[in-house]
Amino acid sequence: MIKQGFLPELEELATNSRKRGHNCHFISQRAAQVHPNIRTQCVNVFLFKQGYKDAASICEEFATDEFLKAPYLEAGEYLGKIGVSGAVFRARIFKEVKV
């Protein structure tokens, strides 16, 4: 969970780093642990096994129902989306799998 004192700095990174040519990576156990102001600035997503509520919130933010498959992923599998218009893909760490 993000400590309250660090939130303004993390929001600054998320909202202004692209203007300065930087890429930021935000990683957490659950999507809900990443503040909404930070999540809405993300263009790429890599989603490992999540509960249904977390997967549904990511679906809403990234405009796809494909992430509802996240609760059913096996160990090492993830769903990814690169860019705003990119298709959702399913892969395994170090090895891609067919959907």
PDB file of N, CA and C in Angstrom:
ATOM      1  N   MET A   1       0.846  -1.171   0.000  1.00  0.00           N
ATOM      2  CA  MET A   1       0.000   0.000   0.000  1.00  0.00           C
ATOM      3  C   MET A   1       0.896   1.240   0.000  1.00  0.00           C
ATOM      4  N   ILE A   2       0.477   2.263  -0.678  1.00  0.00           N
ATOM      5  CA  ILE A   2       1.253   3.495  -0.749  1.00  0.00           C
ATOM      6  C   ILE A   2       1.120   4.239   0.575  1.00  0.00           C
ATOM      7  N   LYS A   3       2.256   4.604   1.138  1.00  0.00           N
ATOM      8  CA  LYS A   3       2.220   5.385   2.365  1.00  0.00           C
ATOM      9  C   LYS A   3       1.697   6.777   2.026  1.00  0.00           C
ATOM     10  N   GLN A   4       0.823   7.290   2.869  1.00  0.00           N
ATOM     11  CA  GLN A   4       0.146   8.551   2.595  1.00  0.00           C
ATOM     12  C   GLN A   4       1.109   9.686   2.264  1.00  0.00           C
ATOM     13  N   GLY A   5       2.241   9.753   2.939  1.00  0.00           N
ATOM     14  CA  GLY A   5       3.179  10.835   2.714  1.00  0.00           C
ATOM     15  C   GLY A   5       3.826  10.847   1.335  1.00  0.00           C
ATOM     16  N   PHE A   6       3.849   9.701   0.653  1.00  0.00           N
ATOM     17  CA  PHE A   6       4.499   9.618  -0.653  1.00  0.00           C
ATOM     18  C   PHE A   6       3.544   9.865  -1.817  1.00  0.00           C
ATOM     19  N   LEU A   7       2.256   9.909  -1.549  1.00  0.00           N
ATOM     20  CA  LEU A   7       1.284  10.014  -2.628  1.00  0.00           C
ATOM     21  C   LEU A   7       1.490  11.234  -3.527  1.00  0.00           C
ATOM     22  N   PRO A   8       1.688  12.434  -2.997  1.00  0.00           N
ATOM     23  CA  PRO A   8       1.880  13.579  -3.897  1.00  0.00           C
ATOM     24  C   PRO A   8       3.067  13.404  -4.849  1.00  0.00           C
ATOM     25  N   GLU A   9       4.157  12.846  -4.355  1.00  0.00           N
ATOM     26  CA  GLU A   9       5.327  12.644  -5.209  1.00  0.00           C
ATOM     27  C   GLU A   9       5.053  11.600  -6.292  1.00  0.00           C
ATOM     28  N   LEU A  10       4.336  10.525  -5.918  1.00  0.00           N
ATOM     29  CA  LEU A  10       4.001   9.501  -6.912  1.00  0.00           C
ATOM     30  C   LEU A  10       3.032  10.036  -7.953  1.00  0.00           C
ATOM     31  N   GLU A  11       2.080  10.833  -7.538  1.00  0.00           N
ATOM     32  CA  GLU A  11       1.157  11.447  -8.499  1.00  0.00           C
ATOM     33  C   GLU A  11       1.908  12.371  -9.443  1.00  0.00           C
ATOM     34  N   GLU A  12       2.870  13.099  -8.925  1.00  0.00           N
ATOM     35  CA  GLU A  12       3.693  13.983  -9.764  1.00  0.00           C
ATOM     36  C   GLU A  12       4.454  13.166 -10.808  1.00  0.00           C
ATOM     37  N   LEU A  13       5.029  12.043 -10.379  1.00  0.00           N
ATOM     38  CA  LEU A  13       5.719  11.166 -11.327  1.00  0.00           C
ATOM     39  C   LEU A  13       4.767  10.667 -12.410  1.00  0.00           C
ATOM     40  N   ALA A  14       3.591  10.215 -11.999  1.00  0.00           N
ATOM     41  CA  ALA A  14       2.633   9.633 -12.939  1.00  0.00           C
ATOM     42  C   ALA A  14       2.099  10.657 -13.924  1.00  0.00           C
ATOM     43  N   THR A  15       1.843  11.864 -13.456  1.00  0.00           N
ATOM     44  CA  THR A  15       1.196  12.845 -14.320  1.00  0.00           C
ATOM     45  C   THR A  15       2.157  13.685 -15.150  1.00  0.00           C
ATOM     46  N   ASN A  16       3.379  13.845 -14.704  1.00  0.00           N
ATOM     47  CA  ASN A  16       4.292  14.751 -15.418  1.00  0.00           C
ATOM     48  C   ASN A  16       5.528  14.095 -16.010  1.00  0.00           C
ATOM     49  N   SER A  17       5.792  12.834 -15.682  1.00  0.00           N
ATOM     50  CA  SER A  17       7.042  12.229 -16.152  1.00  0.00           C
ATOM     51  C   SER A  17       7.067  12.031 -17.665  1.00  0.00           C
ATOM     52  N   ARG A  18       5.913  11.727 -18.278  1.00  0.00           N
ATOM     53  CA  ARG A  18       5.902  11.530 -19.738  1.00  0.00           C
ATOM     54  C   ARG A  18       6.284  12.806 -20.472  1.00  0.00           C
ATOM     55  N   LYS A  19       5.875  13.948 -19.936  1.00  0.00           N
ATOM     56  CA  LYS A  19       6.219  15.239 -20.549  1.00  0.00           C
ATOM     57  C   LYS A  19       7.727  15.448 -20.574  1.00  0.00           C
ATOM     58  N   ARG A  20       8.396  14.806 -19.616  1.00  0.00           N
ATOM     59  CA  ARG A  20       9.842  14.960 -19.485  1.00  0.00           C
ATOM     60  C   ARG A  20      10.615  13.808 -20.107  1.00  0.00           C
ATOM     61  N   GLY A  21       9.892  12.915 -20.790  1.00  0.00           N
ATOM     62  CA  GLY A  21      10.547  11.804 -21.475  1.00  0.00           C
ATOM     63  C   GLY A  21      10.867  10.608 -20.603  1.00  0.00           C
ATOM     64  N   HIS A  22      10.205  10.480 -19.464  1.00  0.00           N
ATOM     65  CA  HIS A  22      10.463   9.366 -18.548  1.00  0.00           C
ATOM     66  C   HIS A  22       9.330   8.347 -18.601  1.00  0.00           C
ATOM     67  N   ASN A  23       9.660   7.099 -18.397  1.00  0.00           N
ATOM     68  CA  ASN A  23       8.672   6.041 -18.215  1.00  0.00           C
ATOM     69  C   ASN A  23       8.698   5.611 -16.763  1.00  0.00           C
ATOM     70  N   CYS A  24       7.535   5.440 -16.172  1.00  0.00           N
ATOM     71  CA  CYS A  24       7.433   4.975 -14.795  1.00  0.00           C
ATOM     72  C   CYS A  24       6.733   3.630 -14.769  1.00  0.00           C
ATOM     73  N   HIS A  25       7.129   2.799 -13.848  1.00  0.00           N
ATOM     74  CA  HIS A  25       6.515   1.487 -13.649  1.00  0.00           C
ATOM     75  C   HIS A  25       5.996   1.440 -12.221  1.00  0.00           C
ATOM     76  N   PHE A  26       4.708   1.192 -12.082  1.00  0.00           N
ATOM     77  CA  PHE A  26       4.083   1.087 -10.768  1.00  0.00           C
ATOM     78  C   PHE A  26       3.639  -0.355 -10.581  1.00  0.00           C
ATOM     79  N   ILE A  27       4.093  -0.981  -9.512  1.00  0.00           N
ATOM     80  CA  ILE A  27       3.840  -2.397  -9.283  1.00  0.00           C
ATOM     81  C   ILE A  27       3.191  -2.564  -7.907  1.00  0.00           C
ATOM     82  N   SER A  28       2.150  -3.401  -7.861  1.00  0.00           N
ATOM     83  CA  SER A  28       1.529  -3.699  -6.575  1.00  0.00           C
ATOM     84  C   SER A  28       0.900  -5.088  -6.630  1.00  0.00           C
ATOM     85  N   GLN A  29       0.535  -5.595  -5.472  1.00  0.00           N
ATOM     86  CA  GLN A  29      -0.131  -6.894  -5.388  1.00  0.00           C
ATOM     87  C   GLN A  29      -1.543  -6.834  -5.966  1.00  0.00           C
ATOM     88  N   ARG A  30      -2.222  -5.734  -5.752  1.00  0.00           N
ATOM     89  CA  ARG A  30      -3.600  -5.567  -6.204  1.00  0.00           C
ATOM     90  C   ARG A  30      -3.720  -4.239  -6.925  1.00  0.00           C
ATOM     91  N   ALA A  31      -4.556  -4.212  -7.946  1.00  0.00           N
ATOM     92  CA  ALA A  31      -4.784  -2.971  -8.688  1.00  0.00           C
ATOM     93  C   ALA A  31      -5.319  -1.874  -7.785  1.00  0.00           C
ATOM     94  N   ALA A  32      -6.149  -2.248  -6.820  1.00  0.00           N
ATOM     95  CA  ALA A  32      -6.752  -1.260  -5.923  1.00  0.00           C
ATOM     96  C   ALA A  32      -5.710  -0.555  -5.055  1.00  0.00           C
ATOM     97  N   GLN A  33      -4.528  -1.118  -4.918  1.00  0.00           N
ATOM     98  CA  GLN A  33      -3.488  -0.488  -4.107  1.00  0.00           C
ATOM     99  C   GLN A  33      -2.817   0.678  -4.824  1.00  0.00           C
ATOM    100  N   VAL A  34      -2.982   0.770  -6.127  1.00  0.00           N
ATOM    101  CA  VAL A  34      -2.411   1.888  -6.884  1.00  0.00           C
ATOM    102  C   VAL A  34      -3.480   2.971  -6.957  1.00  0.00           C
ATOM    103  N   HIS A  35      -3.159   4.144  -6.499  1.00  0.00           N
ATOM    104  CA  HIS A  35      -4.113   5.253  -6.437  1.00  0.00           C
ATOM    105  C   HIS A  35      -4.738   5.513  -7.817  1.00  0.00           C
ATOM    106  N   PRO A  36      -6.039   5.812  -7.871  1.00  0.00           N
ATOM    107  CA  PRO A  36      -6.707   6.064  -9.152  1.00  0.00           C
ATOM    108  C   PRO A  36      -6.045   7.159  -9.992  1.00  0.00           C
ATOM    109  N   ASN A  37      -5.504   8.202  -9.364  1.00  0.00           N
ATOM    110  CA  ASN A  37      -4.824   9.256 -10.121  1.00  0.00           C
ATOM    111  C   ASN A  37      -3.582   8.723 -10.833  1.00  0.00           C
ATOM    112  N   ILE A  38      -2.979   7.688 -10.289  1.00  0.00           N
ATOM    113  CA  ILE A  38      -1.810   7.076 -10.913  1.00  0.00           C
ATOM    114  C   ILE A  38      -2.268   6.088 -11.989  1.00  0.00           C
ATOM    115  N   ARG A  39      -3.259   5.244 -11.675  1.00  0.00           N
ATOM    116  CA  ARG A  39      -3.750   4.242 -12.647  1.00  0.00           C
ATOM    117  C   ARG A  39      -4.244   4.885 -13.935  1.00  0.00           C
ATOM    118  N   THR A  40      -4.930   6.024 -13.822  1.00  0.00           N
ATOM    119  CA  THR A  40      -5.482   6.652 -15.028  1.00  0.00           C
ATOM    120  C   THR A  40      -4.403   7.233 -15.940  1.00  0.00           C
ATOM    121  N   GLN A  41      -3.192   7.373 -15.454  1.00  0.00           N
ATOM    122  CA  GLN A  41      -2.089   7.871 -16.273  1.00  0.00           C
ATOM    123  C   GLN A  41      -1.338   6.750 -16.994  1.00  0.00           C
ATOM    124  N   CYS A  42      -1.653   5.510 -16.662  1.00  0.00           N
ATOM    125  CA  CYS A  42      -0.946   4.378 -17.252  1.00  0.00           C
ATOM    126  C   CYS A  42      -1.486   4.052 -18.641  1.00  0.00           C
ATOM    127  N   VAL A  43      -0.590   3.752 -19.542  1.00  0.00           N
ATOM    128  CA  VAL A  43      -0.955   3.382 -20.906  1.00  0.00           C
ATOM    129  C   VAL A  43      -0.821   1.872 -21.092  1.00  0.00           C
ATOM    130  N   ASN A  44       0.158   1.273 -20.452  1.00  0.00           N
ATOM    131  CA  ASN A  44       0.395  -0.171 -20.546  1.00  0.00           C
ATOM    132  C   ASN A  44      -0.024  -0.830 -19.241  1.00  0.00           C
ATOM    133  N   VAL A  45      -0.516  -2.060 -19.342  1.00  0.00           N
ATOM    134  CA  VAL A  45      -0.891  -2.795 -18.132  1.00  0.00           C
ATOM    135  C   VAL A  45      -0.481  -4.255 -18.280  1.00  0.00           C
ATOM    136  N   PHE A  46       0.039  -4.805 -17.200  1.00  0.00           N
ATOM    137  CA  PHE A  46       0.368  -6.224 -17.104  1.00  0.00           C
ATOM    138  C   PHE A  46      -0.314  -6.713 -15.843  1.00  0.00           C
ATOM    139  N   LEU A  47      -1.321  -7.555 -16.005  1.00  0.00           N
ATOM    140  CA  LEU A  47      -2.184  -7.942 -14.905  1.00  0.00           C
ATOM    141  C   LEU A  47      -2.061  -9.432 -14.633  1.00  0.00           C
ATOM    142  N   PHE A  48      -1.555  -9.756 -13.461  1.00  0.00           N
ATOM    143  CA  PHE A  48      -1.480 -11.147 -13.035  1.00  0.00           C
ATOM    144  C   PHE A  48      -2.792 -11.510 -12.360  1.00  0.00           C
ATOM    145  N   LYS A  49      -2.876 -12.677 -11.799  1.00  0.00           N
ATOM    146  CA  LYS A  49      -4.113 -13.142 -11.181  1.00  0.00           C
ATOM    147  C   LYS A  49      -4.594 -12.123 -10.149  1.00  0.00           C
ATOM    148  N   GLN A  50      -5.831 -11.703 -10.296  1.00  0.00           N
ATOM    149  CA  GLN A  50      -6.453 -10.713  -9.423  1.00  0.00           C
ATOM    150  C   GLN A  50      -7.834 -11.208  -9.035  1.00  0.00           C
ATOM    151  N   GLY A  51      -8.384 -10.659  -7.986  1.00  0.00           N
ATOM    152  CA  GLY A  51      -9.769 -10.919  -7.643  1.00  0.00           C
ATOM    153  C   GLY A  51     -10.693 -10.246  -8.656  1.00  0.00           C
ATOM    154  N   TYR A  52     -11.939 -10.659  -8.656  1.00  0.00           N
ATOM    155  CA  TYR A  52     -12.894 -10.144  -9.640  1.00  0.00           C
ATOM    156  C   TYR A  52     -13.070  -8.634  -9.535  1.00  0.00           C
ATOM    157  N   LYS A  53     -13.188  -8.093  -8.327  1.00  0.00           N
ATOM    158  CA  LYS A  53     -13.420  -6.646  -8.172  1.00  0.00           C
ATOM    159  C   LYS A  53     -12.253  -5.834  -8.722  1.00  0.00           C
ATOM    160  N   ASP A  54     -11.032  -6.276  -8.449  1.00  0.00           N
ATOM    161  CA  ASP A  54      -9.866  -5.570  -8.983  1.00  0.00           C
ATOM    162  C   ASP A  54      -9.831  -5.667 -10.501  1.00  0.00           C
ATOM    163  N   ALA A  55     -10.100  -6.857 -11.030  1.00  0.00           N
ATOM    164  CA  ALA A  55     -10.105  -7.040 -12.489  1.00  0.00           C
ATOM    165  C   ALA A  55     -11.184  -6.165 -13.137  1.00  0.00           C
ATOM    166  N   ALA A  56     -12.348  -6.081 -12.509  1.00  0.00           N
ATOM    167  CA  ALA A  56     -13.433  -5.259 -13.053  1.00  0.00           C
ATOM    168  C   ALA A  56     -13.061  -3.781 -13.074  1.00  0.00           C
ATOM    169  N   SER A  57     -12.351  -3.310 -12.054  1.00  0.00           N
ATOM    170  CA  SER A  57     -11.952  -1.897 -12.050  1.00  0.00           C
ATOM    171  C   SER A  57     -10.941  -1.610 -13.154  1.00  0.00           C
ATOM    172  N   ILE A  58     -10.053  -2.554 -13.411  1.00  0.00           N
ATOM    173  CA  ILE A  58      -9.090  -2.392 -14.502  1.00  0.00           C
ATOM    174  C   ILE A  58      -9.815  -2.422 -15.849  1.00  0.00           C
ATOM    175  N   CYS A  59     -10.818  -3.283 -15.984  1.00  0.00           N
ATOM    176  CA  CYS A  59     -11.621  -3.327 -17.217  1.00  0.00           C
ATOM    177  C   CYS A  59     -12.229  -1.966 -17.507  1.00  0.00           C
ATOM    178  N   GLU A  60     -12.781  -1.361 -16.480  1.00  0.00           N
ATOM    179  CA  GLU A  60     -13.426  -0.063 -16.636  1.00  0.00           C
ATOM    180  C   GLU A  60     -12.423   1.007 -17.047  1.00  0.00           C
ATOM    181  N   GLU A  61     -11.270   1.006 -16.417  1.00  0.00           N
ATOM    182  CA  GLU A  61     -10.279   2.040 -16.694  1.00  0.00           C
ATOM    183  C   GLU A  61      -9.596   1.860 -18.048  1.00  0.00           C
ATOM    184  N   PHE A  62      -9.465   0.617 -18.506  1.00  0.00           N
ATOM    185  CA  PHE A  62      -8.774   0.372 -19.771  1.00  0.00           C
ATOM    186  C   PHE A  62      -9.733  -0.009 -20.899  1.00  0.00           C
ATOM    187  N   ALA A  63     -11.035   0.165 -20.679  1.00  0.00           N
ATOM    188  CA  ALA A  63     -12.076   0.005 -21.702  1.00  0.00           C
ATOM    189  C   ALA A  63     -12.037  -1.352 -22.406  1.00  0.00           C
ATOM    190  N   THR A  64     -11.947  -2.431 -21.626  1.00  0.00           N
ATOM    191  CA  THR A  64     -11.999  -3.775 -22.191  1.00  0.00           C
ATOM    192  C   THR A  64     -12.499  -4.748 -21.132  1.00  0.00           C
ATOM    193  N   ASP A  65     -13.284  -5.718 -21.557  1.00  0.00           N
ATOM    194  CA  ASP A  65     -13.752  -6.766 -20.645  1.00  0.00           C
ATOM    195  C   ASP A  65     -12.778  -7.932 -20.573  1.00  0.00           C
ATOM    196  N   GLU A  66     -11.735  -7.906 -21.374  1.00  0.00           N
ATOM    197  CA  GLU A  66     -10.771  -9.000 -21.428  1.00  0.00           C
ATOM    198  C   GLU A  66     -10.085  -9.242 -20.083  1.00  0.00           C
ATOM    199  N   PHE A  67      -9.941  -8.206 -19.278  1.00  0.00           N
ATOM    200  CA  PHE A  67      -9.263  -8.360 -17.991  1.00  0.00           C
ATOM    201  C   PHE A  67     -10.105  -9.116 -16.966  1.00  0.00           C
ATOM    202  N   LEU A  68     -11.376  -9.382 -17.289  1.00  0.00           N
ATOM    203  CA  LEU A  68     -12.206 -10.192 -16.396  1.00  0.00           C
ATOM    204  C   LEU A  68     -11.727 -11.642 -16.350  1.00  0.00           C
ATOM    205  N   LYS A  69     -10.801 -12.007 -17.227  1.00  0.00           N
ATOM    206  CA  LYS A  69     -10.206 -13.344 -17.214  1.00  0.00           C
ATOM    207  C   LYS A  69      -9.120 -13.470 -16.137  1.00  0.00           C
ATOM    208  N   ALA A  70      -8.712 -12.357 -15.546  1.00  0.00           N
ATOM    209  CA  ALA A  70      -7.608 -12.353 -14.586  1.00  0.00           C
ATOM    210  C   ALA A  70      -7.816 -13.289 -13.389  1.00  0.00           C
ATOM    211  N   PRO A  71      -9.019 -13.401 -12.830  1.00  0.00           N
ATOM    212  CA  PRO A  71      -9.164 -14.312 -11.680  1.00  0.00           C
ATOM    213  C   PRO A  71      -8.904 -15.782 -12.022  1.00  0.00           C
ATOM    214  N   TYR A  72      -8.909 -16.122 -13.306  1.00  0.00           N
ATOM    215  CA  TYR A  72      -8.766 -17.514 -13.726  1.00  0.00           C
ATOM    216  C   TYR A  72      -7.378 -17.842 -14.276  1.00  0.00           C
ATOM    217  N   LEU A  73      -6.452 -16.900 -14.176  1.00  0.00           N
ATOM    218  CA  LEU A  73      -5.102 -17.143 -14.670  1.00  0.00           C
ATOM    219  C   LEU A  73      -4.385 -18.158 -13.785  1.00  0.00           C
ATOM    220  N   GLU A  74      -3.499 -18.910 -14.411  1.00  0.00           N
ATOM    221  CA  GLU A  74      -2.674 -19.862 -13.668  1.00  0.00           C
ATOM    222  C   GLU A  74      -1.395 -19.170 -13.206  1.00  0.00           C
ATOM    223  N   ALA A  75      -0.664 -19.816 -12.313  1.00  0.00           N
ATOM    224  CA  ALA A  75       0.595 -19.259 -11.810  1.00  0.00           C
ATOM    225  C   ALA A  75       1.523 -18.939 -12.974  1.00  0.00           C
ATOM    226  N   GLY A  76       2.045 -17.737 -12.988  1.00  0.00           N
ATOM    227  CA  GLY A  76       2.972 -17.317 -14.029  1.00  0.00           C
ATOM    228  C   GLY A  76       2.317 -16.714 -15.256  1.00  0.00           C
ATOM    229  N   GLU A  77       1.004 -16.814 -15.386  1.00  0.00           N
ATOM    230  CA  GLU A  77       0.319 -16.214 -16.525  1.00  0.00           C
ATOM    231  C   GLU A  77      -0.078 -14.777 -16.204  1.00  0.00           C
ATOM    232  N   TYR A  78      -0.194 -13.968 -17.256  1.00  0.00           N
ATOM    233  CA  TYR A  78      -0.656 -12.602 -17.086  1.00  0.00           C
ATOM    234  C   TYR A  78      -1.373 -12.142 -18.342  1.00  0.00           C
ATOM    235  N   LEU A  79      -2.150 -11.100 -18.194  1.00  0.00           N
ATOM    236  CA  LEU A  79      -2.794 -10.435 -19.320  1.00  0.00           C
ATOM    237  C   LEU A  79      -2.099  -9.101 -19.504  1.00  0.00           C
ATOM    238  N   GLY A  80      -1.886  -8.715 -20.731  1.00  0.00           N
ATOM    239  CA  GLY A  80      -1.200  -7.457 -20.988  1.00  0.00           C
ATOM    240  C   GLY A  80      -1.897  -6.645 -22.051  1.00  0.00           C
ATOM    241  N   LYS A  81      -1.663  -5.364 -22.008  1.00  0.00           N
ATOM    242  CA  LYS A  81      -2.159  -4.444 -23.030  1.00  0.00           C
ATOM    243  C   LYS A  81      -1.117  -3.354 -23.180  1.00  0.00           C
ATOM    244  N   ILE A  82      -0.650  -3.160 -24.404  1.00  0.00           N
ATOM    245  CA  ILE A  82       0.364  -2.156 -24.691  1.00  0.00           C
ATOM    246  C   ILE A  82      -0.288  -1.029 -25.482  1.00  0.00           C
ATOM    247  N   GLY A  83      -0.258   0.158 -24.941  1.00  0.00           N
ATOM    248  CA  GLY A  83      -0.810   1.308 -25.637  1.00  0.00           C
ATOM    249  C   GLY A  83      -2.320   1.414 -25.506  1.00  0.00           C
ATOM    250  N   VAL A  84      -2.820   2.572 -25.875  1.00  0.00           N
ATOM    251  CA  VAL A  84      -4.244   2.855 -25.746  1.00  0.00           C
ATOM    252  C   VAL A  84      -5.086   1.960 -26.636  1.00  0.00           C
ATOM    253  N   SER A  85      -4.651   1.720 -27.853  1.00  0.00           N
ATOM    254  CA  SER A  85      -5.457   0.942 -28.802  1.00  0.00           C
ATOM    255  C   SER A  85      -4.981  -0.503 -28.943  1.00  0.00           C
ATOM    256  N   GLY A  86      -4.036  -0.925 -28.125  1.00  0.00           N
ATOM    257  CA  GLY A  86      -3.500  -2.279 -28.237  1.00  0.00           C
ATOM    258  C   GLY A  86      -4.497  -3.343 -27.804  1.00  0.00           C
ATOM    259  N   ALA A  87      -4.364  -4.510 -28.399  1.00  0.00           N
ATOM    260  CA  ALA A  87      -5.216  -5.640 -28.039  1.00  0.00           C
ATOM    261  C   ALA A  87      -4.686  -6.295 -26.766  1.00  0.00           C
ATOM    262  N   VAL A  88      -5.566  -6.878 -25.994  1.00  0.00           N
ATOM    263  CA  VAL A  88      -5.168  -7.598 -24.787  1.00  0.00           C
ATOM    264  C   VAL A  88      -4.596  -8.950 -25.201  1.00  0.00           C
ATOM    265  N   PHE A  89      -3.465  -9.319 -24.634  1.00  0.00           N
ATOM    266  CA  PHE A  89      -2.856 -10.611 -24.923  1.00  0.00           C
ATOM    267  C   PHE A  89      -2.636 -11.369 -23.621  1.00  0.00           C
ATOM    268  N   ARG A  90      -2.541 -12.671 -23.751  1.00  0.00           N
ATOM    269  CA  ARG A  90      -2.289 -13.539 -22.597  1.00  0.00           C
ATOM    270  C   ARG A  90      -0.917 -14.157 -22.783  1.00  0.00           C
ATOM    271  N   ALA A  91      -0.117 -14.149 -21.735  1.00  0.00           N
ATOM    272  CA  ALA A  91       1.243 -14.674 -21.838  1.00  0.00           C
ATOM    273  C   ALA A  91       1.635 -15.318 -20.515  1.00  0.00           C
ATOM    274  N   ARG A  92       2.728 -16.022 -20.559  1.00  0.00           N
ATOM    275  CA  ARG A  92       3.296 -16.640 -19.369  1.00  0.00           C
ATOM    276  C   ARG A  92       4.680 -16.014 -19.192  1.00  0.00           C
ATOM    277  N   ILE A  93       5.085 -15.864 -17.963  1.00  0.00           N
ATOM    278  CA  ILE A  93       6.404 -15.290 -17.720  1.00  0.00           C
ATOM    279  C   ILE A  93       7.428 -16.093 -18.519  1.00  0.00           C
ATOM    280  N   PHE A  94       8.202 -15.418 -19.328  1.00  0.00           N
ATOM    281  CA  PHE A  94       9.256 -15.970 -20.168  1.00  0.00           C
ATOM    282  C   PHE A  94       8.740 -16.783 -21.361  1.00  0.00           C
ATOM    283  N   LYS A  95       7.424 -17.002 -21.498  1.00  0.00           N
ATOM    284  CA  LYS A  95       6.935 -17.773 -22.621  1.00  0.00           C
ATOM    285  C   LYS A  95       5.490 -17.372 -22.915  1.00  0.00           C
ATOM    286  N   GLU A  96       5.219 -17.005 -24.178  1.00  0.00           N
ATOM    287  CA  GLU A  96       3.870 -16.605 -24.550  1.00  0.00           C
ATOM    288  C   GLU A  96       2.997 -17.841 -24.756  1.00  0.00           C
ATOM    289  N   VAL A  97       1.719 -17.734 -24.371  1.00  0.00           N
ATOM    290  CA  VAL A  97       0.763 -18.820 -24.579  1.00  0.00           C
ATOM    291  C   VAL A  97      -0.337 -18.353 -25.521  1.00  0.00           C
ATOM    292  N   LYS A  98      -0.974 -19.288 -26.205  1.00  0.00           N
ATOM    293  CA  LYS A  98      -2.069 -18.944 -27.114  1.00  0.00           C
ATOM    294  C   LYS A  98      -3.352 -18.734 -26.329  1.00  0.00           C
ATOM    295  N   VAL A  99      -4.146 -17.765 -26.766  1.00  0.00           N
ATOM    296  CA  VAL A  99      -5.416 -17.460 -26.101  1.00  0.00           C
ATOM    297  C   VAL A  99      -6.509 -18.347 -26.651  1.00  0.00           C
TER     298      VAL A  99
END
